[in-house]
Protein backbone atom coordinates (compact mmCIF):
# COMPACT_ATOMS: atom_id res chain seq x y z
CA MET A 1 -6.94 8.50 -18.21
CA ILE A 2 -5.79 5.16 -19.72
CA LYS A 3 -3.48 3.16 -17.73
CA LEU A 4 -1.59 0.49 -19.86
CA ILE A 5 0.31 -2.01 -17.91
CA ALA A 6 3.59 -3.25 -19.36
CA GLY A 7 4.91 -6.69 -18.88
CA ASP A 8 7.93 -8.30 -17.00
CA PHE A 9 11.31 -6.55 -17.30
CA THR A 10 14.76 -7.78 -16.78
CA LEU A 11 17.41 -6.05 -14.43
CA ASP A 12 20.87 -4.88 -14.96
CA ALA A 13 22.49 -3.25 -12.06
CA ALA A 14 25.12 -0.48 -12.77
CA ALA A 15 28.06 0.85 -10.71
CA GLY A 16 31.10 3.00 -11.28
CA ASP A 17 30.66 5.49 -14.04
CA ALA A 18 27.22 4.42 -14.87
CA PRO A 19 24.24 6.72 -13.96
CA ARG A 20 22.74 6.47 -10.52
CA ARG A 21 19.13 5.98 -9.31
CA THR A 22 17.93 5.40 -12.75
CA ILE A 23 15.56 2.99 -14.45
CA SER A 24 15.27 2.53 -18.31
CA GLY A 25 13.31 0.49 -20.58
CA ILE A 26 10.11 0.34 -22.82
CA ALA A 27 7.21 2.36 -21.48
CA ALA A 28 4.67 1.05 -23.91
CA PRO A 29 5.06 -1.01 -27.14
CA TYR A 30 3.38 -0.07 -30.33
CA ASN A 31 0.71 -2.10 -32.31
CA VAL A 32 0.14 -4.32 -29.29
CA ASP A 33 -3.39 -4.76 -28.02
CA ALA A 34 -3.90 -4.39 -24.32
CA THR A 35 -6.88 -4.32 -21.98
CA VAL A 36 -6.87 -1.16 -19.78
CA SER A 37 -8.34 -0.81 -16.20
CA ASP A 38 -11.89 -0.11 -17.50
CA GLY A 39 -11.86 -3.08 -19.68
CA THR A 40 -11.33 -1.29 -23.01
CA THR A 41 -9.03 -2.94 -25.57
CA VAL A 42 -6.66 -0.24 -27.02
CA ARG A 43 -3.81 -0.20 -29.28
CA ILE A 44 -0.99 2.65 -29.48
CA LEU A 45 0.16 3.45 -32.93
CA PRO A 46 3.78 4.36 -33.65
CA GLY A 47 4.36 7.98 -32.83
CA ALA A 48 1.39 8.47 -30.71
CA LEU A 49 3.31 9.24 -27.52
CA PRO A 50 5.03 12.61 -27.30
CA THR A 51 8.87 12.98 -26.63
CA GLU A 52 8.53 16.69 -26.01
CA GLY A 53 6.60 18.96 -23.28
CA LYS A 54 6.27 18.39 -19.70
CA ALA A 55 8.22 15.25 -18.37
CA PRO A 56 5.86 12.49 -17.04
CA ARG A 57 6.01 11.88 -13.27
CA LEU A 58 7.15 8.48 -11.87
CA PHE A 59 4.50 7.22 -9.38
CA MET A 60 3.94 3.90 -7.42
CA TYR A 61 0.95 2.02 -8.35
CA HIS A 62 -0.72 4.89 -10.52
CA ASP A 63 -0.99 6.66 -6.97
CA ALA A 64 -0.32 10.48 -7.35
CA SER A 65 0.30 10.58 -3.53
CA GLN A 66 3.27 8.46 -3.83
CA PRO A 67 5.68 10.01 -6.39
CA VAL A 68 9.04 8.60 -6.52
CA GLY A 69 10.79 10.39 -9.55
CA VAL A 70 10.39 11.92 -12.99
CA VAL A 71 11.00 10.62 -16.61
CA THR A 72 14.24 12.18 -17.85
CA GLU A 73 14.32 10.74 -21.35
CA ARG A 74 11.98 9.72 -24.19
CA VAL A 75 13.03 8.15 -27.21
CA ASP A 76 10.49 7.20 -29.81
CA THR A 77 11.15 4.05 -31.99
CA PRO A 78 9.04 2.11 -34.44
CA GLU A 79 8.60 -0.74 -31.96
CA GLY A 80 7.72 1.53 -28.89
CA MET A 81 8.35 4.33 -26.62
CA LEU A 82 11.75 3.94 -24.75
CA PHE A 83 12.18 5.98 -21.45
CA THR A 84 14.75 6.68 -18.80
CA ALA A 85 13.42 7.78 -15.31
CA LYS A 86 15.45 9.20 -12.28
CA ILE A 87 14.48 7.96 -8.78
CA SER A 88 14.14 10.67 -6.27
CA ALA A 89 16.41 10.31 -3.15
CA THR A 90 13.58 10.09 -0.74
CA SER A 91 12.45 7.26 1.64
CA LEU A 92 9.82 6.34 -0.74
CA GLY A 93 12.36 6.42 -3.63
CA ASN A 94 14.70 4.34 -1.86
CA ASP A 95 12.08 1.63 -1.37
CA ALA A 96 11.01 1.90 -5.07
CA LEU A 97 14.70 1.46 -6.12
CA ILE A 98 15.35 -1.35 -3.80
CA MET A 99 12.15 -3.22 -5.00
CA ALA A 100 13.32 -2.68 -8.59
CA SER A 101 16.62 -3.90 -8.00
CA ASP A 102 15.72 -7.25 -6.29
CA GLY A 103 12.84 -7.97 -8.85
CA THR A 104 9.90 -7.42 -6.39
CA ILE A 105 8.57 -4.78 -8.80
CA ASP A 106 9.69 -5.58 -12.30
CA GLN A 107 7.03 -3.72 -14.40
CA VAL A 108 5.89 -0.32 -15.41
CA SER A 109 2.58 1.01 -16.36
CA VAL A 110 2.13 4.16 -18.60
CA GLY A 111 -0.79 6.53 -17.96
CA ILE A 112 -1.92 8.66 -20.89
CA ASN A 113 -4.87 10.75 -22.02
CA PRO A 114 -5.93 10.03 -25.80
CA THR A 115 -6.36 13.10 -27.92
CA LYS A 116 -6.90 11.66 -31.26
CA PHE A 117 -8.40 8.08 -31.57
CA SER A 118 -10.84 5.86 -33.47
CA TYR A 119 -12.39 2.51 -33.14
CA SER A 120 -11.90 -0.63 -35.10
CA ASP A 121 -14.67 -3.08 -36.23
CA ASP A 122 -14.11 -5.19 -33.22
CA GLY A 123 -14.33 -2.32 -30.61
CA THR A 124 -10.67 -1.81 -30.16
CA MET A 125 -9.54 1.88 -29.46
CA ILE A 126 -6.87 2.87 -31.94
CA ILE A 127 -4.74 5.63 -30.28
CA GLU A 128 -3.07 8.05 -32.91
CA GLU A 129 -2.06 10.78 -30.51
CA ALA A 130 -2.02 11.08 -26.69
CA SER A 131 -0.61 13.08 -23.75
CA TRP A 132 1.61 11.22 -21.53
CA THR A 133 1.02 12.26 -17.89
CA GLU A 134 2.78 9.63 -15.85
CA LEU A 135 4.54 6.28 -15.51
CA SER A 136 4.18 3.89 -12.66
CA LEU A 137 6.03 1.20 -11.11
CA VAL A 138 3.61 -1.96 -10.63
CA PRO A 139 4.04 -5.47 -9.71
CA ILE A 140 1.51 -7.08 -12.23
CA GLY A 141 1.49 -6.46 -15.82
CA ALA A 142 -0.52 -7.31 -19.04
CA PHE A 143 1.83 -6.58 -21.94
CA GLY A 144 4.07 -9.51 -21.33
CA ASP A 145 7.46 -9.48 -22.85
CA ALA A 146 6.55 -6.75 -25.38
CA ALA A 147 7.55 -4.04 -22.86
CA GLN A 148 10.59 -4.39 -20.49
CA ILE A 149 12.80 -2.45 -18.46
CA THR A 150 16.44 -3.06 -19.49
CA LYS A 151 18.49 -1.27 -16.98
CA VAL A 152 18.34 -0.37 -13.24
CA ALA A 153 21.31 1.76 -12.04
CA ALA A 154 21.18 1.69 -8.17
CA SER A 155 23.37 3.59 -5.66
CA ILE A 156 23.52 2.96 -1.96
CA HIS A 157 25.10 5.66 0.27
CA GLN A 158 28.75 4.83 0.88
CA PRO A 159 30.53 5.50 4.25
CA GLU A 160 33.96 7.28 3.61
CA GLU A 161 36.96 5.69 4.84
CA GLU A 162 38.98 7.54 7.58
CA ILE A 163 42.41 8.56 6.22
CA SER A 164 45.35 9.47 8.38
CA ASN A 165 46.99 12.89 7.60
CA ASN A 166 50.37 11.35 8.28
CA GLU A 167 50.30 9.14 5.20
CA GLU A 168 50.45 10.10 1.76
CA GLN A 169 47.86 8.58 -0.52
CA GLU A 170 48.54 7.32 -3.98
CA PRO A 171 46.16 9.18 -6.36
CA GLN A 172 43.52 6.87 -7.98
CA GLN A 173 43.60 6.20 -11.67
CA GLU A 174 40.43 7.77 -13.36
CA ASN A 175 38.68 6.07 -16.15
CA PRO A 176 38.13 7.91 -19.29
CA MET A 177 34.70 9.56 -19.70
CA SER A 178 33.98 7.48 -22.88
CA GLU A 179 34.35 4.14 -20.90
CA SER A 180 31.56 2.61 -18.95
CA VAL A 181 32.14 0.30 -15.94
CA GLU A 182 29.39 -2.13 -15.04
CA THR A 183 29.02 -4.94 -12.54
CA PRO A 184 26.33 -7.65 -12.34
CA VAL A 185 25.50 -6.87 -8.62
CA VAL A 186 24.55 -3.62 -6.90
CA GLU A 187 26.92 -3.49 -3.88
CA ALA A 188 26.10 -1.80 -0.64
CA THR A 189 29.94 -1.37 -0.08
CA ILE A 190 32.79 -0.89 -2.55
CA PRO A 191 36.04 -2.62 -1.73
CA THR A 192 39.15 -0.33 -1.56
CA ALA A 193 42.86 -0.86 -1.14
CA ALA A 194 44.17 -1.29 2.37
CA ILE A 195 45.67 1.91 3.82
CA PRO A 196 49.15 1.35 5.40
CA ALA A 197 49.51 2.06 9.05
CA GLN A 198 45.82 2.45 9.63
CA PRO A 199 44.10 0.31 12.24
CA LYS A 200 41.17 -1.70 11.36
CA ARG A 201 38.05 0.29 11.69
CA GLU A 202 35.53 -0.67 14.24
CA PHE A 203 32.46 -2.47 12.85
CA LYS A 204 29.20 -0.73 13.81
CA LEU A 205 26.18 -2.89 13.87
CA PRO A 206 23.78 -1.90 11.00
CA SER A 207 20.53 -0.28 11.74
CA ALA A 208 17.25 -1.91 10.83
CA GLY A 209 16.98 0.05 7.73
CA ASP A 210 20.44 -0.95 6.72
CA PHE A 211 19.78 -4.50 7.21
CA MET A 212 16.42 -4.43 5.36
CA ALA A 213 17.95 -2.51 2.49
CA ALA A 214 20.76 -5.19 2.18
CA TYR A 215 18.13 -8.05 2.51
CA HIS A 216 16.09 -6.53 -0.43
CA ILE A 217 19.16 -6.27 -2.53
CA GLY A 218 20.23 -9.87 -1.67
CA GLY A 219 23.12 -11.57 -3.28
CA ASP A 220 26.88 -10.68 -2.05
CA THR A 221 25.33 -7.53 -0.20
CA PHE A 222 23.24 -9.42 2.13
CA LYS A 223 25.95 -12.16 2.52
CA ASN A 224 28.63 -9.64 3.23
CA MET A 225 26.58 -8.02 5.95
CA ASN A 226 25.65 -11.22 7.67
CA LYS A 227 29.30 -12.31 7.57
CA ALA A 228 30.32 -8.89 9.16
CA VAL A 229 27.66 -9.24 11.85
CA ALA A 230 28.70 -12.82 12.71
CA GLU A 231 32.53 -11.67 13.10
CA TYR A 232 31.34 -8.86 15.36
CA SER A 233 29.32 -11.12 17.50
CA ALA A 234 32.20 -13.61 17.73
CA SER A 235 34.68 -10.85 18.71
CA GLN A 236 32.33 -9.66 21.63
CA ARG A 237 32.20 -13.25 23.26
CA THR A 238 34.09 -13.86 26.43
CA ALA A 239 36.32 -16.84 26.94
CA LEU A 240 33.69 -18.28 29.37
CA GLN A 241 31.00 -17.91 26.71
CA ALA A 242 33.24 -19.64 23.97
CA ALA A 243 33.79 -22.61 26.26
CA ALA A 244 30.30 -23.29 26.99
CA GLY A 245 30.08 -26.37 24.91
CA ASP A 246 30.91 -28.09 21.65
CA VAL A 247 28.67 -27.14 18.82
CA LEU A 248 28.16 -30.03 16.33
CA THR A 249 26.38 -29.99 12.89
CA THR A 250 23.78 -32.15 14.32
CA ASP A 251 22.98 -29.12 16.69
CA THR A 252 22.54 -26.86 13.79
CA PRO A 253 20.83 -28.68 10.91
CA GLY A 254 20.75 -26.84 7.65
CA LEU A 255 24.26 -25.13 8.00
CA LEU A 256 25.95 -27.42 5.67
CA PRO A 257 25.60 -26.93 1.91
CA VAL A 258 22.81 -29.21 0.37
CA PRO A 259 22.30 -29.24 -3.32
CA VAL A 260 18.92 -28.00 -4.39
CA LEU A 261 17.40 -28.57 -7.80
CA LEU A 262 15.52 -25.61 -9.11
CA PRO A 263 12.94 -24.48 -10.36
CA LEU A 264 10.63 -25.08 -7.42
CA VAL A 265 7.71 -27.60 -8.14
CA GLN A 266 4.76 -25.40 -8.49
CA ASP A 267 1.35 -27.06 -7.86
CA LEU A 268 -0.72 -23.77 -8.35
CA ASN A 269 -0.96 -21.66 -11.46
CA PHE A 270 -1.01 -17.98 -10.25
CA VAL A 271 -3.68 -16.80 -12.97
CA ARG A 272 -6.76 -14.78 -12.70
CA PRO A 273 -9.09 -15.86 -15.63
CA THR A 274 -12.31 -13.91 -14.15
CA VAL A 275 -10.43 -10.83 -13.28
CA GLU A 276 -8.64 -10.69 -16.70
CA ALA A 277 -11.89 -11.11 -18.35
CA LEU A 278 -13.68 -8.31 -16.23
CA GLY A 279 -10.71 -5.92 -16.48
CA ALA A 280 -9.35 -4.41 -13.11
CA ARG A 281 -10.48 -0.72 -12.96
CA ALA A 282 -8.69 1.98 -10.79
CA TYR A 283 -10.37 3.58 -7.81
CA PRO A 284 -11.52 7.13 -8.04
CA ASP A 285 -9.18 9.91 -6.75
CA GLY A 286 -6.38 7.29 -5.97
CA GLY A 287 -8.52 5.23 -3.70
CA ALA A 288 -8.16 7.54 -0.67
CA SER A 289 -11.49 6.60 0.98
CA LYS A 290 -13.00 3.44 2.37
CA THR A 291 -16.06 3.73 0.05
CA PHE A 292 -17.11 5.36 -3.17
CA ILE A 293 -20.30 6.09 -4.93
CA ARG A 294 -21.15 4.20 -8.24
CA PRO A 295 -24.28 5.89 -9.66
CA THR A 296 -26.84 4.03 -11.92
CA ILE A 297 -30.08 4.96 -13.65
CA THR A 298 -33.14 3.28 -11.92
CA THR A 299 -35.74 5.55 -14.09
CA HIS A 300 -34.97 7.01 -17.53
CA THR A 301 -36.45 9.91 -19.16
CA SER A 302 -39.18 9.34 -21.60
CA VAL A 303 -40.18 10.32 -25.16
CA ALA A 304 -43.68 9.57 -26.77
CA THR A 305 -45.83 10.62 -29.59
CA GLN A 306 -47.43 13.93 -28.89
CA SER A 307 -51.23 13.35 -28.95
CA SER A 308 -51.92 16.77 -30.67
CA GLU A 309 -50.41 20.13 -31.29
CA LEU A 310 -49.79 22.24 -28.20
CA THR A 311 -50.43 19.13 -25.83
CA ALA A 312 -48.02 18.34 -23.22
CA ALA A 313 -45.16 16.20 -24.29
CA SER A 314 -44.01 13.16 -22.49
CA ALA A 315 -42.14 14.08 -19.21
CA THR A 316 -40.53 11.67 -16.93
CA THR A 317 -37.87 12.54 -14.32
CA MET A 318 -34.73 10.68 -14.46
CA VAL A 319 -33.80 8.90 -11.07
CA ILE A 320 -30.29 8.10 -10.29
CA ALA A 321 -29.31 5.79 -7.48
CA SER A 322 -26.17 6.38 -5.50
CA ASN A 323 -24.74 3.00 -4.95
CA SER A 324 -22.03 2.86 -2.29
CA VAL A 325 -19.29 0.41 -2.96
CA SER A 326 -17.02 -0.71 -0.11
CA LYS A 327 -13.54 -2.07 -0.31
CA THR A 328 -12.35 -5.59 0.80
CA THR A 329 -8.74 -5.95 2.08
CA LEU A 330 -6.97 -8.95 0.90
CA ALA A 331 -3.78 -9.78 2.86
CA GLY A 332 -1.41 -12.53 3.67
CA GLN A 333 1.76 -12.68 5.91
CA VAL A 334 4.79 -14.90 6.40
CA THR A 335 7.06 -14.71 9.48
CA LEU A 336 10.45 -15.89 9.17
CA SER A 337 13.23 -16.48 11.87
CA ILE A 338 16.49 -14.52 11.63
CA GLN A 339 18.28 -17.75 11.50
CA ASP A 340 16.16 -18.83 8.25
CA ILE A 341 17.04 -15.52 6.73
CA ASP A 342 20.88 -15.94 7.61
CA PHE A 343 21.02 -19.23 6.29
CA THR A 344 18.80 -19.20 3.27
CA SER A 345 20.07 -18.08 -0.19
CA GLY A 346 18.42 -15.10 -1.71
CA PRO A 347 16.58 -16.99 -4.50
CA ALA A 348 15.06 -19.15 -1.96
CA MET A 349 13.63 -16.19 -0.02
CA GLN A 350 12.30 -14.73 -3.37
CA LEU A 351 10.23 -18.04 -3.87
CA ILE A 352 8.43 -17.46 -0.55
CA LEU A 353 7.64 -13.84 -1.53
CA ASN A 354 6.53 -14.89 -4.98
CA ASP A 355 4.15 -17.55 -3.39
CA LEU A 356 2.59 -14.78 -0.98
CA MET A 357 2.00 -12.72 -4.15
CA GLY A 358 0.62 -15.58 -6.05
CA GLU A 359 -1.72 -16.43 -3.23
CA TYR A 360 -3.00 -12.70 -3.40
CA MET A 361 -3.90 -13.21 -7.15
CA ILE A 362 -5.79 -16.39 -6.32
CA ALA A 363 -7.87 -14.78 -3.48
CA SER A 364 -8.67 -11.71 -5.59
CA ASP A 365 -9.91 -13.96 -8.45
CA ASN A 366 -11.71 -16.13 -6.14
CA LEU A 367 -13.64 -13.10 -4.58
CA ALA A 368 -14.47 -11.92 -8.13
CA ALA A 369 -15.74 -15.27 -9.17
CA ASP A 370 -17.90 -15.78 -6.02
CA ASN A 371 -19.44 -12.12 -6.33
CA LEU A 372 -20.22 -12.59 -10.07
CA LEU A 373 -22.11 -15.89 -9.37
CA ALA A 374 -23.92 -14.35 -6.36
CA ALA A 375 -25.20 -11.45 -8.49
CA ALA A 376 -26.41 -13.65 -11.49
CA ASN A 377 -30.08 -14.23 -12.19
CA SER A 378 -31.39 -17.58 -13.47
CA SER A 379 -32.20 -17.88 -17.04
CA GLY A 380 -33.41 -21.55 -17.03
CA VAL A 381 -32.24 -25.04 -16.63
CA TRP A 382 -30.00 -27.17 -19.11
CA ASP A 383 -30.65 -30.66 -19.14
CA GLY A 384 -27.18 -31.59 -20.41
CA THR A 385 -28.15 -32.40 -24.08
CA PRO A 386 -26.58 -30.35 -27.10
CA GLU A 387 -30.06 -29.26 -28.20
CA ASP A 388 -31.04 -27.88 -24.88
CA LEU A 389 -27.86 -26.13 -24.51
CA LEU A 390 -28.53 -24.16 -27.71
CA LYS A 391 -31.93 -23.28 -26.28
CA SER A 392 -30.49 -22.35 -22.72
CA VAL A 393 -27.78 -20.02 -24.20
CA TYR A 394 -30.32 -18.35 -26.43
CA ASP A 395 -32.63 -17.83 -23.52
CA ALA A 396 -29.81 -16.21 -21.54
CA ALA A 397 -28.68 -14.08 -24.45
CA ASN A 398 -32.30 -12.82 -24.86
CA ASP A 399 -32.38 -11.92 -21.14
CA VAL A 400 -29.15 -10.05 -21.30
CA SER A 401 -30.31 -8.04 -24.55
CA ALA A 402 -34.06 -7.65 -24.07
CA ASN A 403 -34.85 -3.92 -23.72
CA ARG A 404 -31.15 -2.93 -23.59
CA ASN A 405 -29.76 -3.44 -27.00
CA TRP A 406 -26.49 -4.89 -25.37
CA MET A 407 -25.14 -8.15 -26.52
CA PRO A 408 -23.54 -10.77 -24.28
CA THR A 409 -19.77 -11.38 -24.71
CA HIS A 410 -18.43 -13.97 -22.21
CA MET A 411 -19.47 -17.29 -20.86
CA PHE A 412 -17.93 -18.01 -17.56
CA VAL A 413 -17.91 -21.84 -16.45
CA SER A 414 -16.49 -23.93 -13.83
CA VAL A 415 -13.84 -26.62 -14.79
CA ASP A 416 -16.52 -29.42 -14.69
CA VAL A 417 -18.74 -27.49 -16.97
CA TRP A 418 -15.88 -27.02 -19.51
CA ALA A 419 -15.34 -30.71 -19.56
CA GLN A 420 -19.04 -31.25 -20.26
CA LEU A 421 -19.07 -28.85 -23.26
CA GLY A 422 -15.95 -30.63 -24.64
CA GLN A 423 -17.43 -33.95 -24.54
CA LEU A 424 -20.76 -32.91 -26.31
CA VAL A 425 -21.30 -34.82 -29.58
CA ASP A 426 -24.10 -34.73 -32.22
CA SER A 427 -26.31 -37.53 -33.52
CA SER A 428 -23.36 -38.99 -35.45
CA LYS A 429 -21.03 -38.87 -32.37
CA ARG A 430 -18.99 -35.91 -33.86
CA PRO A 431 -17.69 -33.52 -31.17
CA LEU A 432 -19.97 -30.36 -31.02
CA PHE A 433 -16.99 -28.08 -30.28
CA PRO A 434 -13.89 -29.61 -31.88
CA PHE A 435 -11.74 -27.01 -30.54
CA ILE A 436 -11.88 -24.19 -27.90
CA GLY A 437 -9.82 -21.25 -28.79
CA ALA A 438 -10.46 -17.70 -27.61
CA GLY A 439 -14.16 -18.34 -27.57
CA LEU A 440 -16.73 -21.18 -27.41
CA THR A 441 -17.15 -21.65 -31.27
CA GLY A 442 -19.34 -24.36 -32.55
CA GLN A 443 -17.78 -25.78 -35.79
CA ASN A 444 -20.02 -28.88 -36.34
CA ALA A 445 -23.84 -29.15 -36.02
CA LEU A 446 -24.26 -25.74 -34.75
CA GLY A 447 -21.86 -23.97 -37.06
CA ALA A 448 -19.56 -21.04 -36.64
CA SER A 449 -21.27 -17.91 -35.23
CA SER A 450 -20.90 -14.92 -33.23
CA ALA A 451 -22.73 -13.53 -30.14
CA GLY A 452 -21.55 -10.09 -31.06
CA SER A 453 -24.24 -9.85 -33.79
CA TRP A 454 -27.93 -10.05 -33.98
CA ASN A 455 -27.69 -12.68 -36.69
CA GLY A 456 -26.45 -16.36 -35.81
CA THR A 457 -26.40 -18.14 -32.46
CA PRO A 458 -24.51 -16.86 -29.42
CA MET A 459 -21.96 -19.54 -29.87
CA GLY A 460 -19.12 -17.04 -30.32
CA LEU A 461 -19.13 -16.13 -26.67
CA GLN A 462 -15.55 -15.78 -25.18
CA LEU A 463 -15.11 -18.75 -22.96
CA VAL A 464 -13.58 -18.12 -19.43
CA VAL A 465 -12.80 -21.27 -17.45
CA ASP A 466 -11.93 -20.67 -13.71
CA SER A 467 -11.58 -23.34 -11.04
CA ASN A 468 -12.64 -20.60 -8.50
CA PHE A 469 -16.21 -21.09 -9.45
CA ALA A 470 -18.41 -23.40 -7.70
CA ALA A 471 -19.15 -26.80 -9.66
CA LYS A 472 -21.90 -26.54 -12.36
CA THR A 473 -21.52 -22.87 -12.92
CA MET A 474 -22.40 -21.44 -16.28
CA ILE A 475 -22.59 -17.47 -16.46
CA ILE A 476 -23.49 -15.58 -19.58
CA THR A 477 -23.04 -11.88 -19.37
CA ARG A 478 -21.27 -8.76 -21.05
CA VAL A 479 -18.10 -7.50 -19.49
CA GLY A 480 -14.69 -5.94 -20.36
CA GLN A 481 -16.06 -3.60 -23.15
CA GLY A 482 -16.01 -0.38 -21.36
CA GLN A 483 -19.57 0.39 -22.23
CA GLY A 484 -22.61 -1.71 -21.16
CA ASP A 485 -20.47 -3.72 -18.70
CA ALA A 486 -22.86 -5.72 -16.34
CA PHE A 487 -20.15 -6.35 -13.74
CA GLU A 488 -17.19 -4.36 -12.77
CA PHE A 489 -13.96 -5.20 -10.56
CA TYR A 490 -11.86 -2.57 -8.84
CA GLU A 491 -8.35 -3.05 -7.47
CA SER A 492 -5.42 -1.15 -5.87
CA ILE A 493 -2.44 -3.44 -5.16
CA ARG A 494 -0.44 -2.00 -2.29
CA GLY A 495 2.46 -4.46 -2.34
CA LEU A 496 4.90 -5.77 0.26
CA MET A 497 5.53 -4.56 3.81
CA SER A 498 8.12 -5.86 6.34
CA VAL A 499 8.88 -5.37 10.02
CA GLU A 500 11.30 -6.89 12.28
CA VAL A 501 10.21 -8.50 15.60
CA PRO A 502 13.18 -8.23 17.98
CA SER A 503 11.52 -10.22 20.74
CA THR A 504 11.48 -13.35 18.68
CA LEU A 505 14.37 -12.71 16.36
CA GLY A 506 11.95 -12.74 13.52
CA ARG A 507 10.75 -10.75 10.48
CA THR A 508 7.16 -10.52 9.27
CA MET A 509 6.50 -9.70 5.72
CA SER A 510 3.03 -9.25 4.19
CA PHE A 511 1.48 -8.42 0.82
CA HIS A 512 -1.95 -6.68 0.60
CA GLY A 513 -4.34 -5.00 -1.76
CA TYR A 514 -7.91 -3.51 -1.94
CA VAL A 515 -10.51 -4.93 -4.29
CA SER A 516 -14.24 -4.27 -4.81
CA THR A 517 -16.91 -5.65 -7.11
CA PHE A 518 -20.08 -4.07 -8.40
CA ALA A 519 -23.08 -5.57 -10.34
CA ALA A 520 -23.76 -2.59 -12.52
CA ILE A 521 -26.51 -4.11 -14.46
CA GLY A 522 -27.85 -7.07 -12.68
CA GLY A 523 -30.31 -8.05 -15.06
CA MET A 524 -27.57 -8.68 -17.69
CA ILE A 525 -25.85 -11.24 -15.49
CA ARG A 526 -27.53 -14.49 -16.31
CA LYS A 527 -26.78 -18.10 -15.00
CA ILE A 528 -27.89 -21.47 -16.31
CA THR A 529 -28.38 -24.07 -13.87
CA GLN A 530 -28.32 -27.81 -14.52
CA ALA A 531 -31.07 -30.39 -14.02
């Protein structure tokens, strides 16, 4: 099944007469190229996705064991497939709705099975018809702004006010059905008019689940809950406790408003060049086991010329190796005091969570880069000259293709090697590579060429520059094509977790995921060292 991950979406919270527990947006844009989990580039044509038949289920992270709802409406447009999905009123559904409302999860991913398709000259799968089986909420996308969720209508259970039987209540005026009332924030409580002769209701401390839900929603919801808790705490203090001493602002630094200029200065770019080039693959069977088997052929069958009639034909038994691939857990955590949470705005808290997720991206890309380099076999030494670069790349391309008929597609380099390539000049001091676009394309002495063809030089390799590689790294291989891939990357992002620590008045939040790499064809992963 193909899983296309859509891009960032914006949020609108609905209340009043608007639908409850729903999300809406674009499931998949048409005529937009995307790289799926196995590395294949695909393009969905208009009208390829069905609007009738069994409704797709809504999952978390493409995990069938984590259903959270169902797609209730499908609208086909020339630009893409629009959808509306209803979130189930379950614990998992509540978590999904909270994370969608506060932006922790802001993307969707559509899972389809192509039934009618073809391939373009560049190997892109053109999908004309497909069955749509599921839609998933995911934190990281690949479609960019082409696919968005445009609306989140959230509903939190509201406690009913106690009304005295001795007082007559004025009937509330109803809005006409044709009108829609929307507010910019999803509120956990809805203000109502005061009820005459009614005593003030006793405030009950929120449960851990109520507090966590308000924290995830943020904004006025979290602010109001903190205010109510503070008022309750003040009402329970005795006179002796209140007179214990004067409390000055110097005793509680950070309470007074201090202007903060956003956005935050970000010294790290949370990108994954190596993982994006490899293509993240889904684990088999939803990733329920610690390991899985990736088979490879170690001995092929054989075909040879028959020596004479009725003589034995060539016979070789195929041997398949059962390679066990294990999972690596990547995780990070941050512990915050209740005071920091109480006195910090929602956007500031989101910066901490975004940084935690960004560090996961860097760690997963670093693991992929290290393991790719470790799996590479040497194809010679480059002395640093333009002439020897051509020979070195040719030698590596020959090692990749010899006896396999697969051509290399990518050149992975460290930042220092990228700088070396950009400074290479010919005998007339002209830059050897005047520009570096999608690939390393020689436009001068070496001429324009393509590594995807048997004719010409392998200078059309797609260049992947990654600071996670060790210095002087240059690797030439074939990846991200779906067939003949020499190196594979598997991933299952599990997302955020949170737990209270009452003994220290703190809350610990973590983000984790599982990743694996597998050198499927080691002989096609070639590295060029430097003298």
